Amino acid sequence: MLFPGFTLETVEIGDGPIRLRRGGSGPPLLLLHGNPQTHAMWHAVAPRMAERFTVICPDLRGYGGSLKPPATPDHAPYAKTAMARDMVEVMRHFGFERFLVGSHDRGARVAHRLALDFPERVEKLAVLDIVPTIEHFERADMSFALGYYHWFWFAQPHPFPEAIINAAPEAWFRAHTSREPKDDGFFHPDALADYLACARNPDMIRGMCEDYRAAVTIDLEDDRTARSAGRKVQCPMLVLWGAKGKIGQWYEPLPIWGKYCTAEVTGGPVNSGHYLAEEAPAEVLAAFGRFFG
């Protein structure tokens, strides 16, 4: 059984429902998932963290069992500002005005915006396998375009990428997630079943693509505005990346994040590919334990 001792519930926020798991007791810890996954990616991390923390693992809007607004020309319903606001509402629902955040991939991009827009809410922030979105785009070269081709494919106008993915969602999922490493054997069968069920939902595929369309439009504008204004993450940061993945090969993550944070930035590589929490949960747990205390 995944998430022993956790409840599976749906919380209604201003814009709609958010599916989540909740368990444990102690200081609040919000865990945000990546693409094309759901909160289930934290199944090997959340129960151990729940021994010391109240752990809340939601599905981001557009993903899993959470709200999935229609596609719009400006992609504003999927702006990271909106997705970050969702998380503030979720945590307030449970009575938490200030909390810790652990995050991976797309969820880490939401977490970055959460720390910028609501600095009074985030006590500490951990991001897994990303550098800031604006850094990706401004440093883009052929290696990035080939390695992260899906950023540009998903961002094509609706409904072009959706139509292709929906024609063979399981084949797409396995091809998308098997690039690093070369198989999906590290996915727990129950977590994989949840991912595939969501991939078969055309609304989720639309939401995912809108997330990436927002990244190249409204999110990029918001990131440039924040940088021009000198706004940075104000809390301590933990930065982890997969030693077998691309982040550490292409970038120097700690110095880059140091430019976007006024507090201490620590971290390093984990012996995994992109899916750190599922490929190397013991290393992630050890790092989280040291960082979150």
C-alpha atoms as a PDB file:
ATOM      1  CA  MET A   1       0.000   0.000   0.000  1.00  0.00           C
ATOM      2  CA  LEU A   2       1.347   3.393  -0.991  1.00  0.00           C
ATOM      3  CA  PHE A   3       1.264   6.167   1.624  1.00  0.00           C
ATOM      4  CA  PRO A   4       0.452   4.080   4.728  1.00  0.00           C
ATOM      5  CA  GLY A   5      -1.302   6.173   7.338  1.00  0.00           C
ATOM      6  CA  PHE A   6      -2.185   8.905   4.841  1.00  0.00           C
ATOM      7  CA  THR A   7      -5.641  10.012   3.806  1.00  0.00           C
ATOM      8  CA  LEU A   8      -6.588  10.538   0.155  1.00  0.00           C
ATOM      9  CA  GLU A   9      -8.862  13.554  -0.043  1.00  0.00           C
ATOM     10  CA  THR A  10     -10.058  16.416  -2.192  1.00  0.00           C
ATOM     11  CA  VAL A  11      -9.877  20.019  -1.013  1.00  0.00           C
ATOM     12  CA  GLU A  12     -12.004  22.702  -2.644  1.00  0.00           C
ATOM     13  CA  ILE A  13     -10.141  25.957  -3.236  1.00  0.00           C
ATOM     14  CA  GLY A  14     -11.333  29.076  -5.022  1.00  0.00           C
ATOM     15  CA  ASP A  15     -10.804  27.763  -8.555  1.00  0.00           C
ATOM     16  CA  GLY A  16     -11.804  24.129  -8.008  1.00  0.00           C
ATOM     17  CA  PRO A  17     -10.766  20.800  -6.476  1.00  0.00           C
ATOM     18  CA  ILE A  18      -7.255  19.735  -5.491  1.00  0.00           C
ATOM     19  CA  ARG A  19      -6.616  16.012  -4.915  1.00  0.00           C
ATOM     20  CA  LEU A  20      -4.016  15.300  -2.252  1.00  0.00           C
ATOM     21  CA  ARG A  21      -2.578  12.897   0.309  1.00  0.00           C
ATOM     22  CA  ARG A  22      -2.121  14.004   3.903  1.00  0.00           C
ATOM     23  CA  GLY A  23      -0.410  12.280   6.806  1.00  0.00           C
ATOM     24  CA  GLY A  24       1.817  12.601   9.833  1.00  0.00           C
ATOM     25  CA  SER A  25       2.091  15.290  12.494  1.00  0.00           C
ATOM     26  CA  GLY A  26       4.465  18.089  13.309  1.00  0.00           C
ATOM     27  CA  PRO A  27       5.677  21.056  11.244  1.00  0.00           C
ATOM     28  CA  PRO A  28       3.924  21.302   7.852  1.00  0.00           C
ATOM     29  CA  LEU A  29       5.772  20.070   4.757  1.00  0.00           C
ATOM     30  CA  LEU A  30       4.311  20.579   1.277  1.00  0.00           C
ATOM     31  CA  LEU A  31       5.617  18.220  -1.445  1.00  0.00           C
ATOM     32  CA  LEU A  32       5.020  19.169  -5.098  1.00  0.00           C
ATOM     33  CA  HIS A  33       5.335  16.658  -7.941  1.00  0.00           C
ATOM     34  CA  GLY A  34       6.760  16.809 -11.441  1.00  0.00           C
ATOM     35  CA  ASN A  35       5.582  16.010 -14.961  1.00  0.00           C
ATOM     36  CA  PRO A  36       3.984  13.759 -16.157  1.00  0.00           C
ATOM     37  CA  GLN A  37       3.349  12.448 -12.678  1.00  0.00           C
ATOM     38  CA  THR A  38       1.048  13.012  -9.731  1.00  0.00           C
ATOM     39  CA  HIS A  39       1.521  13.266  -5.976  1.00  0.00           C
ATOM     40  CA  ALA A  40       2.163   9.495  -6.078  1.00  0.00           C
ATOM     41  CA  MET A  41       5.816  10.200  -6.957  1.00  0.00           C
ATOM     42  CA  TRP A  42       6.432  10.919  -3.242  1.00  0.00           C
ATOM     43  CA  HIS A  43       5.302   7.452  -2.081  1.00  0.00           C
ATOM     44  CA  ALA A  44       8.809   6.414  -0.922  1.00  0.00           C
ATOM     45  CA  VAL A  45       9.582   9.773   0.718  1.00  0.00           C
ATOM     46  CA  ALA A  46       6.364  11.088   2.258  1.00  0.00           C
ATOM     47  CA  PRO A  47       5.685   8.268   4.770  1.00  0.00           C
ATOM     48  CA  ARG A  48       9.163   8.566   6.272  1.00  0.00           C
ATOM     49  CA  MET A  49       8.929  12.346   6.427  1.00  0.00           C
ATOM     50  CA  ALA A  50       5.516  11.964   8.091  1.00  0.00           C
ATOM     51  CA  GLU A  51       7.282  10.514  11.121  1.00  0.00           C
ATOM     52  CA  ARG A  52       8.357  14.079  11.947  1.00  0.00           C
ATOM     53  CA  PHE A  53       6.196  16.363   9.792  1.00  0.00           C
ATOM     54  CA  THR A  54       2.628  16.918   8.693  1.00  0.00           C
ATOM     55  CA  VAL A  55       3.088  16.038   5.033  1.00  0.00           C
ATOM     56  CA  ILE A  56       0.724  17.264   2.317  1.00  0.00           C
ATOM     57  CA  CYS A  57       1.176  16.004  -1.252  1.00  0.00           C
ATOM     58  CA  PRO A  58      -1.235  17.622  -3.730  1.00  0.00           C
ATOM     59  CA  ASP A  59      -1.739  17.167  -7.457  1.00  0.00           C
ATOM     60  CA  LEU A  60      -0.955  20.438  -9.225  1.00  0.00           C
ATOM     61  CA  ARG A  61      -3.728  22.034 -11.238  1.00  0.00           C
ATOM     62  CA  GLY A  62      -3.823  20.441 -14.669  1.00  0.00           C
ATOM     63  CA  TYR A  63      -2.481  17.147 -13.321  1.00  0.00           C
ATOM     64  CA  GLY A  64      -3.762  14.060 -11.533  1.00  0.00           C
ATOM     65  CA  GLY A  65      -7.150  14.495  -9.902  1.00  0.00           C
ATOM     66  CA  SER A  66      -7.019  18.270  -9.530  1.00  0.00           C
ATOM     67  CA  LEU A  67      -8.832  21.007 -11.446  1.00  0.00           C
ATOM     68  CA  LYS A  68      -8.071  21.319 -15.151  1.00  0.00           C
ATOM     69  CA  PRO A  69      -9.190  24.661 -16.581  1.00  0.00           C
ATOM     70  CA  PRO A  70      -9.796  24.960 -20.337  1.00  0.00           C
ATOM     71  CA  ALA A  71      -7.078  26.198 -22.669  1.00  0.00           C
ATOM     72  CA  THR A  72      -7.047  29.973 -23.137  1.00  0.00           C
ATOM     73  CA  PRO A  73      -5.116  32.273 -25.494  1.00  0.00           C
ATOM     74  CA  ASP A  74      -3.131  33.857 -22.650  1.00  0.00           C
ATOM     75  CA  HIS A  75      -2.601  30.587 -20.686  1.00  0.00           C
ATOM     76  CA  ALA A  76      -3.211  32.559 -17.472  1.00  0.00           C
ATOM     77  CA  PRO A  77      -5.095  29.712 -15.716  1.00  0.00           C
ATOM     78  CA  TYR A  78      -1.826  27.754 -15.819  1.00  0.00           C
ATOM     79  CA  ALA A  79       0.539  30.566 -14.863  1.00  0.00           C
ATOM     80  CA  LYS A  80       2.851  29.611 -12.032  1.00  0.00           C
ATOM     81  CA  THR A  81       1.399  32.552 -10.113  1.00  0.00           C
ATOM     82  CA  ALA A  82      -1.989  30.797 -10.182  1.00  0.00           C
ATOM     83  CA  MET A  83      -0.517  27.388  -9.352  1.00  0.00           C
ATOM     84  CA  ALA A  84       1.430  28.869  -6.431  1.00  0.00           C
ATOM     85  CA  ARG A  85      -1.711  30.565  -5.129  1.00  0.00           C
ATOM     86  CA  ASP A  86      -3.458  27.174  -5.185  1.00  0.00           C
ATOM     87  CA  MET A  87      -0.860  25.828  -2.783  1.00  0.00           C
ATOM     88  CA  VAL A  88      -1.276  28.742  -0.381  1.00  0.00           C
ATOM     89  CA  GLU A  89      -5.010  28.029  -0.324  1.00  0.00           C
ATOM     90  CA  VAL A  90      -4.452  24.316   0.246  1.00  0.00           C
ATOM     91  CA  MET A  91      -2.116  24.900   3.178  1.00  0.00           C
ATOM     92  CA  ARG A  92      -4.409  27.560   4.661  1.00  0.00           C
ATOM     93  CA  HIS A  93      -7.268  25.050   4.437  1.00  0.00           C
ATOM     94  CA  PHE A  94      -5.365  22.913   6.941  1.00  0.00           C
ATOM     95  CA  GLY A  95      -4.468  25.886   9.115  1.00  0.00           C
ATOM     96  CA  PHE A  96      -0.886  26.373   7.942  1.00  0.00           C
ATOM     97  CA  GLU A  97       0.191  29.926   7.154  1.00  0.00           C
ATOM     98  CA  ARG A  98       3.919  29.105   7.040  1.00  0.00           C
ATOM     99  CA  PHE A  99       5.439  25.836   5.857  1.00  0.00           C
ATOM    100  CA  LEU A 100       8.356  23.920   4.369  1.00  0.00           C
ATOM    101  CA  VAL A 101       8.373  22.998   0.670  1.00  0.00           C
ATOM    102  CA  GLY A 102       9.974  20.086  -1.177  1.00  0.00           C
ATOM    103  CA  SER A 103       9.512  19.993  -4.943  1.00  0.00           C
ATOM    104  CA  HIS A 104      10.505  18.267  -8.162  1.00  0.00           C
ATOM    105  CA  ASP A 105      10.523  19.290 -11.834  1.00  0.00           C
ATOM    106  CA  ARG A 106       7.343  21.261 -12.734  1.00  0.00           C
ATOM    107  CA  GLY A 107       6.393  21.327  -9.065  1.00  0.00           C
ATOM    108  CA  ALA A 108       9.744  22.943  -8.312  1.00  0.00           C
ATOM    109  CA  ARG A 109       8.925  25.700 -10.797  1.00  0.00           C
ATOM    110  CA  VAL A 110       5.666  26.270  -8.950  1.00  0.00           C
ATOM    111  CA  ALA A 111       7.607  26.225  -5.673  1.00  0.00           C
ATOM    112  CA  HIS A 112      10.067  28.827  -6.976  1.00  0.00           C
ATOM    113  CA  ARG A 113       7.184  31.158  -7.816  1.00  0.00           C
ATOM    114  CA  LEU A 114       5.553  30.366  -4.458  1.00  0.00           C
ATOM    115  CA  ALA A 115       8.698  31.498  -2.643  1.00  0.00           C
ATOM    116  CA  LEU A 116       8.833  34.692  -4.742  1.00  0.00           C
ATOM    117  CA  ASP A 117       5.170  35.649  -4.454  1.00  0.00           C
ATOM    118  CA  PHE A 118       4.598  34.510  -0.874  1.00  0.00           C
ATOM    119  CA  PRO A 119       7.947  34.819   0.925  1.00  0.00           C
ATOM    120  CA  GLU A 120       6.208  35.012   4.275  1.00  0.00           C
ATOM    121  CA  ARG A 121       4.774  31.520   3.703  1.00  0.00           C
ATOM    122  CA  VAL A 122       7.863  29.489   2.786  1.00  0.00           C
ATOM    123  CA  GLU A 123      10.264  28.684   5.628  1.00  0.00           C
ATOM    124  CA  LYS A 124      12.636  26.502   3.609  1.00  0.00           C
ATOM    125  CA  LEU A 125      12.611  25.385  -0.029  1.00  0.00           C
ATOM    126  CA  ALA A 126      14.025  22.235  -1.639  1.00  0.00           C
ATOM    127  CA  VAL A 127      14.070  21.931  -5.444  1.00  0.00           C
ATOM    128  CA  LEU A 128      14.917  18.730  -7.313  1.00  0.00           C
ATOM    129  CA  ASP A 129      16.471  18.608 -10.783  1.00  0.00           C
ATOM    130  CA  ILE A 130      15.835  22.108 -12.063  1.00  0.00           C
ATOM    131  CA  VAL A 131      17.443  25.481 -12.530  1.00  0.00           C
ATOM    132  CA  PRO A 132      15.203  28.558 -12.899  1.00  0.00           C
ATOM    133  CA  THR A 133      13.047  28.426 -16.029  1.00  0.00           C
ATOM    134  CA  ILE A 134      14.393  31.719 -17.335  1.00  0.00           C
ATOM    135  CA  GLU A 135      17.942  30.332 -17.155  1.00  0.00           C
ATOM    136  CA  HIS A 136      16.939  27.376 -19.328  1.00  0.00           C
ATOM    137  CA  PHE A 137      15.525  29.592 -22.039  1.00  0.00           C
ATOM    138  CA  GLU A 138      18.265  32.198 -22.002  1.00  0.00           C
ATOM    139  CA  ARG A 139      20.982  29.549 -22.175  1.00  0.00           C
ATOM    140  CA  ALA A 140      19.172  27.390 -24.747  1.00  0.00           C
ATOM    141  CA  ASP A 141      21.346  25.716 -27.385  1.00  0.00           C
ATOM    142  CA  MET A 142      21.112  22.634 -29.573  1.00  0.00           C
ATOM    143  CA  SER A 143      21.765  20.263 -26.650  1.00  0.00           C
ATOM    144  CA  PHE A 144      18.937  21.810 -24.668  1.00  0.00           C
ATOM    145  CA  ALA A 145      16.577  21.793 -27.647  1.00  0.00           C
ATOM    146  CA  LEU A 146      17.239  18.098 -28.266  1.00  0.00           C
ATOM    147  CA  GLY A 147      17.275  17.033 -24.625  1.00  0.00           C
ATOM    148  CA  TYR A 148      14.258  19.083 -23.589  1.00  0.00           C
ATOM    149  CA  TYR A 149      12.461  18.968 -26.935  1.00  0.00           C
ATOM    150  CA  HIS A 150       9.157  18.369 -25.164  1.00  0.00           C
ATOM    151  CA  TRP A 151       9.259  21.916 -23.740  1.00  0.00           C
ATOM    152  CA  PHE A 152       8.828  23.228 -27.289  1.00  0.00           C
ATOM    153  CA  TRP A 153       6.494  20.482 -28.477  1.00  0.00           C
ATOM    154  CA  PHE A 154       4.022  20.779 -25.579  1.00  0.00           C
ATOM    155  CA  ALA A 155       4.059  24.562 -26.028  1.00  0.00           C
ATOM    156  CA  GLN A 156       2.761  24.356 -29.602  1.00  0.00           C
ATOM    157  CA  PRO A 157      -0.752  25.772 -30.105  1.00  0.00           C
ATOM    158  CA  HIS A 158      -3.716  23.851 -28.708  1.00  0.00           C
ATOM    159  CA  PRO A 159      -4.784  21.210 -29.684  1.00  0.00           C
ATOM    160  CA  PHE A 160      -1.873  20.032 -31.883  1.00  0.00           C
ATOM    161  CA  PRO A 161       0.338  18.258 -29.285  1.00  0.00           C
ATOM    162  CA  GLU A 162      -2.720  17.005 -27.398  1.00  0.00           C
ATOM    163  CA  ALA A 163      -4.079  15.263 -30.487  1.00  0.00           C
ATOM    164  CA  ILE A 164      -0.830  13.372 -31.042  1.00  0.00           C
ATOM    165  CA  ILE A 165      -0.433  12.334 -27.399  1.00  0.00           C
ATOM    166  CA  ASN A 166      -4.075  11.308 -27.027  1.00  0.00           C
ATOM    167  CA  ALA A 167      -3.738   8.954 -30.001  1.00  0.00           C
ATOM    168  CA  ALA A 168      -1.383   6.745 -27.947  1.00  0.00           C
ATOM    169  CA  PRO A 169      -1.082   8.070 -24.379  1.00  0.00           C
ATOM    170  CA  GLU A 170       0.618   5.044 -22.834  1.00  0.00           C
ATOM    171  CA  ALA A 171       3.182   4.790 -25.608  1.00  0.00           C
ATOM    172  CA  TRP A 172       3.846   8.515 -25.239  1.00  0.00           C
ATOM    173  CA  PHE A 173       4.237   8.217 -21.453  1.00  0.00           C
ATOM    174  CA  ARG A 174       6.750   5.390 -21.658  1.00  0.00           C
ATOM    175  CA  ALA A 175       8.771   7.133 -24.356  1.00  0.00           C
ATOM    176  CA  HIS A 176       8.737  10.396 -22.421  1.00  0.00           C
ATOM    177  CA  THR A 177       9.777   8.938 -19.070  1.00  0.00           C
ATOM    178  CA  SER A 178      12.308   6.360 -20.273  1.00  0.00           C
ATOM    179  CA  ARG A 179      14.923   8.798 -21.562  1.00  0.00           C
ATOM    180  CA  GLU A 180      16.726   8.929 -18.198  1.00  0.00           C
ATOM    181  CA  PRO A 181      17.352   6.130 -17.332  1.00  0.00           C
ATOM    182  CA  LYS A 182      16.445   3.775 -20.168  1.00  0.00           C
ATOM    183  CA  ASP A 183      13.522   2.026 -18.496  1.00  0.00           C
ATOM    184  CA  ASP A 184      10.722   2.802 -16.034  1.00  0.00           C
ATOM    185  CA  GLY A 185      11.470  -0.077 -13.670  1.00  0.00           C
ATOM    186  CA  PHE A 186      11.948   2.350 -10.782  1.00  0.00           C
ATOM    187  CA  PHE A 187       8.260   3.370 -10.900  1.00  0.00           C
ATOM    188  CA  HIS A 188       6.218   1.515  -8.290  1.00  0.00           C
ATOM    189  CA  PRO A 189       3.397  -0.389 -10.066  1.00  0.00           C
ATOM    190  CA  ASP A 190       0.700   1.474  -8.136  1.00  0.00           C
ATOM    191  CA  ALA A 191       2.276   4.854  -8.829  1.00  0.00           C
ATOM    192  CA  LEU A 192       2.694   3.945 -12.486  1.00  0.00           C
ATOM    193  CA  ALA A 193      -0.957   2.933 -12.662  1.00  0.00           C
ATOM    194  CA  ASP A 194      -1.949   6.362 -11.359  1.00  0.00           C
ATOM    195  CA  TYR A 195       0.316   8.115 -13.879  1.00  0.00           C
ATOM    196  CA  LEU A 196      -1.058   6.073 -16.784  1.00  0.00           C
ATOM    197  CA  ALA A 197      -4.682   6.559 -15.735  1.00  0.00           C
ATOM    198  CA  CYS A 198      -4.102  10.306 -15.751  1.00  0.00           C
ATOM    199  CA  ALA A 199      -2.237  10.166 -19.077  1.00  0.00           C
ATOM    200  CA  ARG A 200      -5.303   8.533 -20.618  1.00  0.00           C
ATOM    201  CA  ASN A 201      -7.388  11.558 -19.585  1.00  0.00           C
ATOM    202  CA  PRO A 202      -7.421  14.143 -22.433  1.00  0.00           C
ATOM    203  CA  ASP A 203      -8.146  16.903 -19.912  1.00  0.00           C
ATOM    204  CA  MET A 204      -4.894  16.123 -18.118  1.00  0.00           C
ATOM    205  CA  ILE A 205      -2.949  16.171 -21.385  1.00  0.00           C
ATOM    206  CA  ARG A 206      -4.460  19.567 -22.180  1.00  0.00           C
ATOM    207  CA  GLY A 207      -3.588  20.839 -18.709  1.00  0.00           C
ATOM    208  CA  MET A 208      -0.018  19.584 -19.037  1.00  0.00           C
ATOM    209  CA  CYS A 209       0.435  21.307 -22.384  1.00  0.00           C
ATOM    210  CA  GLU A 210      -1.061  24.525 -21.037  1.00  0.00           C
ATOM    211  CA  ASP A 211       1.459  24.369 -18.195  1.00  0.00           C
ATOM    212  CA  TYR A 212       4.255  24.399 -20.790  1.00  0.00           C
ATOM    213  CA  ARG A 213       2.553  27.060 -22.918  1.00  0.00           C
ATOM    214  CA  ALA A 214       2.388  29.267 -19.861  1.00  0.00           C
ATOM    215  CA  ALA A 215       6.110  28.665 -19.307  1.00  0.00           C
ATOM    216  CA  VAL A 216       7.073  30.232 -22.640  1.00  0.00           C
ATOM    217  CA  THR A 217       4.659  33.173 -22.340  1.00  0.00           C
ATOM    218  CA  ILE A 218       3.159  34.544 -19.131  1.00  0.00           C
ATOM    219  CA  ASP A 219       5.609  32.769 -16.803  1.00  0.00           C
ATOM    220  CA  LEU A 220       8.612  34.069 -18.699  1.00  0.00           C
ATOM    221  CA  GLU A 221       7.232  37.596 -18.484  1.00  0.00           C
ATOM    222  CA  ASP A 222       6.683  37.191 -14.739  1.00  0.00           C
ATOM    223  CA  ASP A 223      10.212  35.825 -14.281  1.00  0.00           C
ATOM    224  CA  ARG A 224      11.746  38.745 -16.152  1.00  0.00           C
ATOM    225  CA  THR A 225       9.714  41.209 -14.110  1.00  0.00           C
ATOM    226  CA  ALA A 226      10.772  39.606 -10.844  1.00  0.00           C
ATOM    227  CA  ARG A 227      14.433  39.570 -11.847  1.00  0.00           C
ATOM    228  CA  SER A 228      14.360  43.195 -12.998  1.00  0.00           C
ATOM    229  CA  ALA A 229      12.845  44.184  -9.672  1.00  0.00           C
ATOM    230  CA  GLY A 230      15.536  42.282  -7.768  1.00  0.00           C
ATOM    231  CA  ARG A 231      13.045  39.884  -6.187  1.00  0.00           C
ATOM    232  CA  LYS A 232      14.705  36.687  -4.960  1.00  0.00           C
ATOM    233  CA  VAL A 233      13.964  33.654  -2.824  1.00  0.00           C
ATOM    234  CA  GLN A 234      14.494  34.763   0.765  1.00  0.00           C
ATOM    235  CA  CYS A 235      14.554  31.425   2.581  1.00  0.00           C
ATOM    236  CA  PRO A 236      17.306  28.763   2.707  1.00  0.00           C
ATOM    237  CA  MET A 237      17.376  26.493  -0.333  1.00  0.00           C
ATOM    238  CA  LEU A 238      18.348  22.863  -0.913  1.00  0.00           C
ATOM    239  CA  VAL A 239      19.189  22.083  -4.542  1.00  0.00           C
ATOM    240  CA  LEU A 240      19.479  18.434  -5.623  1.00  0.00           C
ATOM    241  CA  TRP A 241      19.906  16.986  -9.097  1.00  0.00           C
ATOM    242  CA  GLY A 242      20.331  13.566 -10.687  1.00  0.00           C
ATOM    243  CA  ALA A 243      23.982  12.722 -11.368  1.00  0.00           C
ATOM    244  CA  LYS A 244      22.875  10.663 -14.381  1.00  0.00           C
ATOM    245  CA  GLY A 245      20.635  13.420 -15.726  1.00  0.00           C
ATOM    246  CA  LYS A 246      21.138  16.589 -17.716  1.00  0.00           C
ATOM    247  CA  ILE A 247      21.006  19.344 -15.091  1.00  0.00           C
ATOM    248  CA  GLY A 248      24.454  18.618 -13.696  1.00  0.00           C
ATOM    249  CA  GLN A 249      25.895  18.020 -17.164  1.00  0.00           C
ATOM    250  CA  TRP A 250      24.692  21.313 -18.609  1.00  0.00           C
ATOM    251  CA  TYR A 251      24.752  23.683 -15.629  1.00  0.00           C
ATOM    252  CA  GLU A 252      26.369  24.519 -12.303  1.00  0.00           C
ATOM    253  CA  PRO A 253      23.141  24.461 -10.288  1.00  0.00           C
ATOM    254  CA  LEU A 254      24.378  25.864  -6.972  1.00  0.00           C
ATOM    255  CA  PRO A 255      25.989  29.045  -8.376  1.00  0.00           C
ATOM    256  CA  ILE A 256      22.985  29.610 -10.626  1.00  0.00           C
ATOM    257  CA  TRP A 257      20.507  29.310  -7.765  1.00  0.00           C
ATOM    258  CA  GLY A 258      22.781  31.528  -5.696  1.00  0.00           C
ATOM    259  CA  LYS A 259      21.885  34.381  -8.048  1.00  0.00           C
ATOM    260  CA  TYR A 260      18.184  33.849  -7.326  1.00  0.00           C
ATOM    261  CA  CYS A 261      18.320  33.475  -3.545  1.00  0.00           C
ATOM    262  CA  THR A 262      19.395  35.826  -0.749  1.00  0.00           C
ATOM    263  CA  ALA A 263      19.832  33.027   1.803  1.00  0.00           C
ATOM    264  CA  GLU A 264      22.133  30.008   1.901  1.00  0.00           C
ATOM    265  CA  VAL A 265      21.955  27.574  -1.037  1.00  0.00           C
ATOM    266  CA  THR A 266      23.243  24.050  -0.395  1.00  0.00           C
ATOM    267  CA  GLY A 267      22.933  20.662  -2.080  1.00  0.00           C
ATOM    268  CA  GLY A 268      24.526  18.469  -4.703  1.00  0.00           C
ATOM    269  CA  PRO A 269      24.029  15.483  -7.014  1.00  0.00           C
ATOM    270  CA  VAL A 270      22.063  12.340  -6.193  1.00  0.00           C
ATOM    271  CA  ASN A 271      22.911   8.968  -7.735  1.00  0.00           C
ATOM    272  CA  SER A 272      19.908   8.864 -10.052  1.00  0.00           C
ATOM    273  CA  GLY A 273      18.439  10.074 -13.283  1.00  0.00           C
ATOM    274  CA  HIS A 274      15.684  12.675 -13.399  1.00  0.00           C
ATOM    275  CA  TYR A 275      13.255  10.942 -11.023  1.00  0.00           C
ATOM    276  CA  LEU A 276      15.232  11.373  -7.805  1.00  0.00           C
ATOM    277  CA  ALA A 277      12.492  10.588  -5.292  1.00  0.00           C
ATOM    278  CA  GLU A 278      11.646   7.287  -6.986  1.00  0.00           C
ATOM    279  CA  GLU A 279      15.104   6.222  -8.156  1.00  0.00           C
ATOM    280  CA  ALA A 280      17.072   7.163  -5.027  1.00  0.00           C
ATOM    281  CA  PRO A 281      14.597   7.815  -2.189  1.00  0.00           C
ATOM    282  CA  ALA A 282      17.133   7.020   0.550  1.00  0.00           C
ATOM    283  CA  GLU A 283      19.450   9.785  -0.666  1.00  0.00           C
ATOM    284  CA  VAL A 284      16.581  12.236  -0.983  1.00  0.00           C
ATOM    285  CA  LEU A 285      15.346  11.360   2.502  1.00  0.00           C
ATOM    286  CA  ALA A 286      18.803  11.849   3.980  1.00  0.00           C
ATOM    287  CA  ALA A 287      19.157  15.244   2.319  1.00  0.00           C
ATOM    288  CA  PHE A 288      15.639  16.293   3.357  1.00  0.00           C
ATOM    289  CA  GLY A 289      16.308  15.159   6.910  1.00  0.00           C
ATOM    290  CA  ARG A 290      19.434  17.285   7.178  1.00  0.00           C
ATOM    291  CA  PHE A 291      17.853  20.300   5.518  1.00  0.00           C
ATOM    292  CA  PHE A 292      14.377  20.367   7.016  1.00  0.00           C
ATOM    293  CA  GLY A 293      15.618  19.207  10.415  1.00  0.00           C
END
